[in-house]
């Protein structure tokens, strides 16, 4: 059997496969289960509100919000100084010491796998995400094995940034399918025309079972908002 390539051809992106994800996350004091349990928490919340009397998109909003809440709970339980970030309504969990933040976003069907291309986020991102992605270069240095965080002690803006902004921002990218939920923890390199699809590193996380038939919502929004709708009930 021909072995699949480690990543799409001619790609500078480092892909950390699922079997190496635990060791990679341990560099931050995290674990694969921290990530998977957060996503499961969000999916369980989606299932509870996936009822006809709720607005059609509410299940997706609930999944985003509860996944983020689950991640915050998981990280704060570690007692490593993780805090809730929401400067400018940009919702994250962050560590001032590690100069590291995580945001939860929805990705397309190439999320969490080695495919013919890298995943894209499912809606165009606005100025707040652009600022975060452009700032990533100030805090990480690509290497053959991934990235080294905390390269710069300050950004060009110096002390004008709040602690939850003065760091690199990684995305917990989630794709909900009818049988499983795929996910990865990835660092964006460039935002381009607003559809993020260029990555420094992708850490692929083993999927978790899905509690129902779901699919990502593709939004035409061209600005950031307070929610990241992830799913809706699939139509026949």
C-alpha atoms as a PDB file:
ATOM      1  CA  UNK A   1       0.000   0.000   0.000  1.00  0.00           C
ATOM      2  CA  UNK A   2       1.336   3.408  -0.943  1.00  0.00           C
ATOM      3  CA  UNK A   3       1.965   5.593   2.084  1.00  0.00           C
ATOM      4  CA  UNK A   4       0.138   8.908   2.147  1.00  0.00           C
ATOM      5  CA  UNK A   5       2.354  11.985   2.157  1.00  0.00           C
ATOM      6  CA  UNK A   6       2.984  13.648   5.507  1.00  0.00           C
ATOM      7  CA  UNK A   7       1.473  16.846   4.117  1.00  0.00           C
ATOM      8  CA  UNK A   8       0.207  18.266   0.842  1.00  0.00           C
ATOM      9  CA  UNK A   9       2.990  18.670  -1.739  1.00  0.00           C
ATOM     10  CA  UNK A  10       5.064  21.843  -1.842  1.00  0.00           C
ATOM     11  CA  UNK A  11       3.693  22.956   1.522  1.00  0.00           C
ATOM     12  CA  UNK A  12       5.860  24.691   4.156  1.00  0.00           C
ATOM     13  CA  UNK A  13       3.352  23.748   6.856  1.00  0.00           C
ATOM     14  CA  UNK A  14       4.529  21.445   9.626  1.00  0.00           C
ATOM     15  CA  UNK A  15       1.917  18.756  10.315  1.00  0.00           C
ATOM     16  CA  UNK A  16       2.078  17.017  13.671  1.00  0.00           C
ATOM     17  CA  UNK A  17       0.210  13.698  13.204  1.00  0.00           C
ATOM     18  CA  UNK A  18      -2.284  12.416  15.798  1.00  0.00           C
ATOM     19  CA  UNK A  19       0.163   9.894  17.231  1.00  0.00           C
ATOM     20  CA  UNK A  20       2.606  12.736  18.014  1.00  0.00           C
ATOM     21  CA  UNK A  21       0.017  15.258  19.223  1.00  0.00           C
ATOM     22  CA  UNK A  22       0.340  14.279  22.884  1.00  0.00           C
ATOM     23  CA  UNK A  23       4.073  14.963  22.958  1.00  0.00           C
ATOM     24  CA  UNK A  24       3.628  18.266  21.113  1.00  0.00           C
ATOM     25  CA  UNK A  25       0.905  19.491  23.472  1.00  0.00           C
ATOM     26  CA  UNK A  26       2.958  18.432  26.479  1.00  0.00           C
ATOM     27  CA  UNK A  27       5.413  21.170  25.533  1.00  0.00           C
ATOM     28  CA  UNK A  28       2.677  23.559  26.697  1.00  0.00           C
ATOM     29  CA  UNK A  29       1.704  21.424  29.683  1.00  0.00           C
ATOM     30  CA  UNK A  30      -1.469  20.277  27.897  1.00  0.00           C
ATOM     31  CA  UNK A  31      -2.814  16.933  26.716  1.00  0.00           C
ATOM     32  CA  UNK A  32      -4.862  15.510  23.860  1.00  0.00           C
ATOM     33  CA  UNK A  33      -7.675  14.759  26.311  1.00  0.00           C
ATOM     34  CA  UNK A  34      -7.861  18.435  27.287  1.00  0.00           C
ATOM     35  CA  UNK A  35      -8.738  19.222  23.681  1.00  0.00           C
ATOM     36  CA  UNK A  36     -11.010  16.251  22.983  1.00  0.00           C
ATOM     37  CA  UNK A  37     -13.005  16.679  26.192  1.00  0.00           C
ATOM     38  CA  UNK A  38     -13.573  20.348  25.384  1.00  0.00           C
ATOM     39  CA  UNK A  39     -14.989  19.491  21.969  1.00  0.00           C
ATOM     40  CA  UNK A  40     -17.129  16.700  23.417  1.00  0.00           C
ATOM     41  CA  UNK A  41     -18.477  19.165  25.972  1.00  0.00           C
ATOM     42  CA  UNK A  42     -19.461  21.495  23.142  1.00  0.00           C
ATOM     43  CA  UNK A  43     -21.086  18.723  21.116  1.00  0.00           C
ATOM     44  CA  UNK A  44     -23.123  17.547  24.089  1.00  0.00           C
ATOM     45  CA  UNK A  45     -24.395  21.099  24.526  1.00  0.00           C
ATOM     46  CA  UNK A  46     -25.311  21.225  20.845  1.00  0.00           C
ATOM     47  CA  UNK A  47     -27.325  18.047  21.229  1.00  0.00           C
ATOM     48  CA  UNK A  48     -29.267  19.437  24.196  1.00  0.00           C
ATOM     49  CA  UNK A  49     -30.463  22.493  22.237  1.00  0.00           C
ATOM     50  CA  UNK A  50     -30.939  20.794  18.873  1.00  0.00           C
ATOM     51  CA  UNK A  51     -34.710  21.090  19.233  1.00  0.00           C
ATOM     52  CA  UNK A  52     -37.265  22.614  16.845  1.00  0.00           C
ATOM     53  CA  UNK A  53     -38.298  25.434  19.186  1.00  0.00           C
ATOM     54  CA  UNK A  54     -34.803  26.935  19.178  1.00  0.00           C
ATOM     55  CA  UNK A  55     -33.606  29.180  16.325  1.00  0.00           C
ATOM     56  CA  UNK A  56     -32.095  27.090  13.529  1.00  0.00           C
ATOM     57  CA  UNK A  57     -28.532  28.332  14.041  1.00  0.00           C
ATOM     58  CA  UNK A  58     -28.567  28.236  17.835  1.00  0.00           C
ATOM     59  CA  UNK A  59     -27.134  24.719  18.062  1.00  0.00           C
ATOM     60  CA  UNK A  60     -24.029  25.878  16.217  1.00  0.00           C
ATOM     61  CA  UNK A  61     -23.603  28.933  18.422  1.00  0.00           C
ATOM     62  CA  UNK A  62     -24.077  26.772  21.513  1.00  0.00           C
ATOM     63  CA  UNK A  63     -21.436  24.320  20.299  1.00  0.00           C
ATOM     64  CA  UNK A  64     -18.911  27.111  19.763  1.00  0.00           C
ATOM     65  CA  UNK A  65     -19.612  28.725  23.129  1.00  0.00           C
ATOM     66  CA  UNK A  66     -19.578  25.492  25.111  1.00  0.00           C
ATOM     67  CA  UNK A  67     -16.435  24.205  23.397  1.00  0.00           C
ATOM     68  CA  UNK A  68     -14.665  27.411  24.365  1.00  0.00           C
ATOM     69  CA  UNK A  69     -16.071  27.196  27.895  1.00  0.00           C
ATOM     70  CA  UNK A  70     -14.948  23.571  28.109  1.00  0.00           C
ATOM     71  CA  UNK A  71     -11.434  24.490  26.957  1.00  0.00           C
ATOM     72  CA  UNK A  72     -11.243  27.277  29.506  1.00  0.00           C
ATOM     73  CA  UNK A  73     -12.329  24.902  32.285  1.00  0.00           C
ATOM     74  CA  UNK A  74      -9.871  22.231  31.184  1.00  0.00           C
ATOM     75  CA  UNK A  75      -6.936  24.644  31.131  1.00  0.00           C
ATOM     76  CA  UNK A  76      -7.808  26.483  34.321  1.00  0.00           C
ATOM     77  CA  UNK A  77      -7.985  23.130  36.163  1.00  0.00           C
ATOM     78  CA  UNK A  78      -4.312  22.633  35.316  1.00  0.00           C
ATOM     79  CA  UNK A  79      -3.426  25.562  37.619  1.00  0.00           C
ATOM     80  CA  UNK A  80      -0.813  26.844  35.204  1.00  0.00           C
ATOM     81  CA  UNK A  81      -1.976  30.449  35.095  1.00  0.00           C
ATOM     82  CA  UNK A  82      -4.472  30.140  32.220  1.00  0.00           C
ATOM     83  CA  UNK A  83      -6.980  32.997  32.121  1.00  0.00           C
ATOM     84  CA  UNK A  84     -10.050  34.094  30.187  1.00  0.00           C
ATOM     85  CA  UNK A  85      -9.327  36.631  27.442  1.00  0.00           C
ATOM     86  CA  UNK A  86     -11.931  38.800  25.736  1.00  0.00           C
ATOM     87  CA  UNK A  87     -10.280  42.085  24.786  1.00  0.00           C
ATOM     88  CA  UNK A  88     -12.274  43.668  21.961  1.00  0.00           C
ATOM     89  CA  UNK A  89     -14.851  40.854  22.335  1.00  0.00           C
ATOM     90  CA  UNK A  90     -12.247  38.407  20.968  1.00  0.00           C
ATOM     91  CA  UNK A  91     -12.830  35.347  23.126  1.00  0.00           C
ATOM     92  CA  UNK A  92      -9.792  33.254  24.079  1.00  0.00           C
ATOM     93  CA  UNK A  93      -8.130  31.368  26.875  1.00  0.00           C
ATOM     94  CA  UNK A  94      -4.553  32.526  27.354  1.00  0.00           C
ATOM     95  CA  UNK A  95      -1.395  32.260  29.430  1.00  0.00           C
ATOM     96  CA  UNK A  96       0.569  35.430  30.030  1.00  0.00           C
ATOM     97  CA  UNK A  97       3.619  33.407  31.068  1.00  0.00           C
ATOM     98  CA  UNK A  98       3.577  31.200  27.970  1.00  0.00           C
ATOM     99  CA  UNK A  99       2.624  34.138  25.686  1.00  0.00           C
ATOM    100  CA  UNK A 100       0.025  31.854  24.178  1.00  0.00           C
ATOM    101  CA  UNK A 101      -3.718  32.064  23.489  1.00  0.00           C
ATOM    102  CA  UNK A 102      -6.310  29.707  22.009  1.00  0.00           C
ATOM    103  CA  UNK A 103      -9.484  30.638  20.123  1.00  0.00           C
ATOM    104  CA  UNK A 104     -12.165  28.207  18.923  1.00  0.00           C
ATOM    105  CA  UNK A 105     -13.160  28.359  15.244  1.00  0.00           C
ATOM    106  CA  UNK A 106     -14.965  26.224  12.664  1.00  0.00           C
ATOM    107  CA  UNK A 107     -13.062  24.578   9.816  1.00  0.00           C
ATOM    108  CA  UNK A 108     -14.017  22.784   6.604  1.00  0.00           C
ATOM    109  CA  UNK A 109     -13.901  19.069   5.741  1.00  0.00           C
ATOM    110  CA  UNK A 110     -10.090  18.997   5.570  1.00  0.00           C
ATOM    111  CA  UNK A 111      -9.821  19.810   9.270  1.00  0.00           C
ATOM    112  CA  UNK A 112      -7.977  17.261  11.385  1.00  0.00           C
ATOM    113  CA  UNK A 113      -6.691  15.136   8.507  1.00  0.00           C
ATOM    114  CA  UNK A 114      -3.947  15.020   5.908  1.00  0.00           C
ATOM    115  CA  UNK A 115      -5.824  15.922   2.754  1.00  0.00           C
ATOM    116  CA  UNK A 116      -5.126  17.188  -0.716  1.00  0.00           C
ATOM    117  CA  UNK A 117      -5.030  20.685   0.749  1.00  0.00           C
ATOM    118  CA  UNK A 118      -4.946  22.341   4.154  1.00  0.00           C
ATOM    119  CA  UNK A 119      -8.209  23.286   5.859  1.00  0.00           C
ATOM    120  CA  UNK A 120      -9.880  26.654   5.545  1.00  0.00           C
ATOM    121  CA  UNK A 121     -11.904  28.401   8.196  1.00  0.00           C
ATOM    122  CA  UNK A 122     -15.556  28.442   7.205  1.00  0.00           C
ATOM    123  CA  UNK A 123     -16.111  32.170   7.130  1.00  0.00           C
ATOM    124  CA  UNK A 124     -14.110  35.259   6.310  1.00  0.00           C
ATOM    125  CA  UNK A 125     -12.354  36.789   9.268  1.00  0.00           C
ATOM    126  CA  UNK A 126     -12.348  40.438  10.226  1.00  0.00           C
ATOM    127  CA  UNK A 127      -9.803  42.936  11.534  1.00  0.00           C
ATOM    128  CA  UNK A 128      -9.428  41.438  14.996  1.00  0.00           C
ATOM    129  CA  UNK A 129      -8.439  38.044  13.613  1.00  0.00           C
ATOM    130  CA  UNK A 130      -6.127  39.731  11.110  1.00  0.00           C
ATOM    131  CA  UNK A 131      -4.349  41.536  13.934  1.00  0.00           C
ATOM    132  CA  UNK A 132      -3.920  38.260  15.808  1.00  0.00           C
ATOM    133  CA  UNK A 133      -2.590  36.356  12.816  1.00  0.00           C
ATOM    134  CA  UNK A 134      -0.164  39.115  11.827  1.00  0.00           C
ATOM    135  CA  UNK A 135       1.060  39.306  15.415  1.00  0.00           C
ATOM    136  CA  UNK A 136       1.853  35.578  15.461  1.00  0.00           C
ATOM    137  CA  UNK A 137       5.093  36.234  13.591  1.00  0.00           C
ATOM    138  CA  UNK A 138       6.309  38.310  16.530  1.00  0.00           C
ATOM    139  CA  UNK A 139       6.060  35.391  18.939  1.00  0.00           C
ATOM    140  CA  UNK A 140       6.916  32.214  17.063  1.00  0.00           C
ATOM    141  CA  UNK A 141       9.871  31.001  15.063  1.00  0.00           C
ATOM    142  CA  UNK A 142       9.250  28.182  12.556  1.00  0.00           C
ATOM    143  CA  UNK A 143      11.662  25.238  12.835  1.00  0.00           C
ATOM    144  CA  UNK A 144      11.973  21.846  11.207  1.00  0.00           C
ATOM    145  CA  UNK A 145      10.084  20.318  14.142  1.00  0.00           C
ATOM    146  CA  UNK A 146       7.359  22.904  14.530  1.00  0.00           C
ATOM    147  CA  UNK A 147       7.552  26.332  16.122  1.00  0.00           C
ATOM    148  CA  UNK A 148       9.295  27.816  19.121  1.00  0.00           C
ATOM    149  CA  UNK A 149       7.051  30.156  21.100  1.00  0.00           C
ATOM    150  CA  UNK A 150       7.998  33.329  22.919  1.00  0.00           C
ATOM    151  CA  UNK A 151      10.650  34.580  20.499  1.00  0.00           C
ATOM    152  CA  UNK A 152      10.014  38.262  21.167  1.00  0.00           C
ATOM    153  CA  UNK A 153       9.639  39.690  24.669  1.00  0.00           C
ATOM    154  CA  UNK A 154       7.502  42.561  23.386  1.00  0.00           C
ATOM    155  CA  UNK A 155       5.666  43.398  20.207  1.00  0.00           C
ATOM    156  CA  UNK A 156       6.282  46.582  18.188  1.00  0.00           C
ATOM    157  CA  UNK A 157       3.316  48.092  20.081  1.00  0.00           C
ATOM    158  CA  UNK A 158       5.248  47.559  23.314  1.00  0.00           C
ATOM    159  CA  UNK A 159       3.160  47.841  26.446  1.00  0.00           C
ATOM    160  CA  UNK A 160       0.033  49.044  24.641  1.00  0.00           C
ATOM    161  CA  UNK A 161      -1.358  45.523  24.303  1.00  0.00           C
ATOM    162  CA  UNK A 162      -3.336  43.716  26.966  1.00  0.00           C
ATOM    163  CA  UNK A 163      -1.894  40.380  28.154  1.00  0.00           C
ATOM    164  CA  UNK A 164      -4.438  38.324  26.164  1.00  0.00           C
ATOM    165  CA  UNK A 165      -3.350  40.119  22.972  1.00  0.00           C
ATOM    166  CA  UNK A 166       0.386  40.201  23.668  1.00  0.00           C
ATOM    167  CA  UNK A 167       0.909  36.584  22.603  1.00  0.00           C
ATOM    168  CA  UNK A 168       0.609  34.152  19.722  1.00  0.00           C
ATOM    169  CA  UNK A 169      -2.938  32.984  18.976  1.00  0.00           C
ATOM    170  CA  UNK A 170      -3.545  29.367  17.991  1.00  0.00           C
ATOM    171  CA  UNK A 171      -6.890  28.116  16.696  1.00  0.00           C
ATOM    172  CA  UNK A 172      -8.714  25.058  17.956  1.00  0.00           C
ATOM    173  CA  UNK A 173     -10.274  24.261  14.576  1.00  0.00           C
ATOM    174  CA  UNK A 174     -13.385  22.053  14.691  1.00  0.00           C
ATOM    175  CA  UNK A 175     -15.253  20.260  11.908  1.00  0.00           C
ATOM    176  CA  UNK A 176     -18.430  18.387  12.827  1.00  0.00           C
ATOM    177  CA  UNK A 177     -19.431  15.484  10.576  1.00  0.00           C
ATOM    178  CA  UNK A 178     -22.366  13.116  10.944  1.00  0.00           C
ATOM    179  CA  UNK A 179     -20.180  10.339  12.421  1.00  0.00           C
ATOM    180  CA  UNK A 180     -17.275  12.126  14.060  1.00  0.00           C
ATOM    181  CA  UNK A 181     -15.918  15.510  15.020  1.00  0.00           C
ATOM    182  CA  UNK A 182     -12.463  16.251  13.676  1.00  0.00           C
ATOM    183  CA  UNK A 183     -10.189  18.847  15.207  1.00  0.00           C
ATOM    184  CA  UNK A 184      -6.707  20.306  15.204  1.00  0.00           C
ATOM    185  CA  UNK A 185      -4.736  22.956  17.061  1.00  0.00           C
ATOM    186  CA  UNK A 186      -3.142  25.151  14.423  1.00  0.00           C
ATOM    187  CA  UNK A 187      -1.229  28.394  14.000  1.00  0.00           C
ATOM    188  CA  UNK A 188      -2.255  30.618  11.094  1.00  0.00           C
ATOM    189  CA  UNK A 189       0.458  32.203   8.985  1.00  0.00           C
ATOM    190  CA  UNK A 190      -1.577  34.549   6.807  1.00  0.00           C
ATOM    191  CA  UNK A 191      -5.169  35.704   6.534  1.00  0.00           C
ATOM    192  CA  UNK A 192      -5.055  36.620   2.851  1.00  0.00           C
ATOM    193  CA  UNK A 193      -8.465  37.787   1.644  1.00  0.00           C
ATOM    194  CA  UNK A 194     -10.027  36.864   4.978  1.00  0.00           C
ATOM    195  CA  UNK A 195     -10.348  33.108   4.514  1.00  0.00           C
ATOM    196  CA  UNK A 196      -7.600  31.637   6.665  1.00  0.00           C
ATOM    197  CA  UNK A 197      -5.996  28.657   4.914  1.00  0.00           C
ATOM    198  CA  UNK A 198      -2.236  29.134   5.396  1.00  0.00           C
ATOM    199  CA  UNK A 199      -0.652  27.550   8.451  1.00  0.00           C
ATOM    200  CA  UNK A 200       2.711  27.453  10.198  1.00  0.00           C
ATOM    201  CA  UNK A 201       1.860  24.254  12.063  1.00  0.00           C
ATOM    202  CA  UNK A 202      -1.131  21.943  12.340  1.00  0.00           C
ATOM    203  CA  UNK A 203      -1.402  19.611  15.331  1.00  0.00           C
ATOM    204  CA  UNK A 204      -3.900  16.909  14.356  1.00  0.00           C
ATOM    205  CA  UNK A 205      -6.007  15.608  17.260  1.00  0.00           C
ATOM    206  CA  UNK A 206      -7.741  12.179  17.171  1.00  0.00           C
ATOM    207  CA  UNK A 207     -11.470  12.682  16.441  1.00  0.00           C
ATOM    208  CA  UNK A 208     -14.337  12.100  18.834  1.00  0.00           C
ATOM    209  CA  UNK A 209     -17.729  10.546  17.999  1.00  0.00           C
ATOM    210  CA  UNK A 210     -20.475  12.963  16.986  1.00  0.00           C
ATOM    211  CA  UNK A 211     -23.816  12.982  18.775  1.00  0.00           C
ATOM    212  CA  UNK A 212     -25.806  13.711  15.622  1.00  0.00           C
ATOM    213  CA  UNK A 213     -25.877  14.654  11.930  1.00  0.00           C
ATOM    214  CA  UNK A 214     -24.245  18.046  11.634  1.00  0.00           C
ATOM    215  CA  UNK A 215     -22.397  20.141   9.074  1.00  0.00           C
ATOM    216  CA  UNK A 216     -20.479  23.429   9.278  1.00  0.00           C
ATOM    217  CA  UNK A 217     -22.240  26.738   8.711  1.00  0.00           C
ATOM    218  CA  UNK A 218     -20.622  28.798   5.968  1.00  0.00           C
ATOM    219  CA  UNK A 219     -21.093  32.453   6.822  1.00  0.00           C
ATOM    220  CA  UNK A 220     -20.734  35.447   4.538  1.00  0.00           C
ATOM    221  CA  UNK A 221     -19.753  37.715   7.391  1.00  0.00           C
ATOM    222  CA  UNK A 222     -16.744  39.895   6.657  1.00  0.00           C
ATOM    223  CA  UNK A 223     -16.157  40.983  10.230  1.00  0.00           C
ATOM    224  CA  UNK A 224     -15.555  39.272  13.538  1.00  0.00           C
ATOM    225  CA  UNK A 225     -18.480  38.826  15.872  1.00  0.00           C
ATOM    226  CA  UNK A 226     -19.086  37.369  19.298  1.00  0.00           C
ATOM    227  CA  UNK A 227     -19.888  33.856  18.142  1.00  0.00           C
ATOM    228  CA  UNK A 228     -18.549  31.127  15.862  1.00  0.00           C
ATOM    229  CA  UNK A 229     -21.486  29.095  14.575  1.00  0.00           C
ATOM    230  CA  UNK A 230     -20.199  25.602  13.922  1.00  0.00           C
ATOM    231  CA  UNK A 231     -23.051  23.379  12.897  1.00  0.00           C
ATOM    232  CA  UNK A 232     -26.568  23.043  11.618  1.00  0.00           C
ATOM    233  CA  UNK A 233     -28.789  20.034  11.053  1.00  0.00           C
ATOM    234  CA  UNK A 234     -27.955  18.488   7.703  1.00  0.00           C
ATOM    235  CA  UNK A 235     -30.736  18.602   5.123  1.00  0.00           C
ATOM    236  CA  UNK A 236     -31.564  15.787   2.769  1.00  0.00           C
END
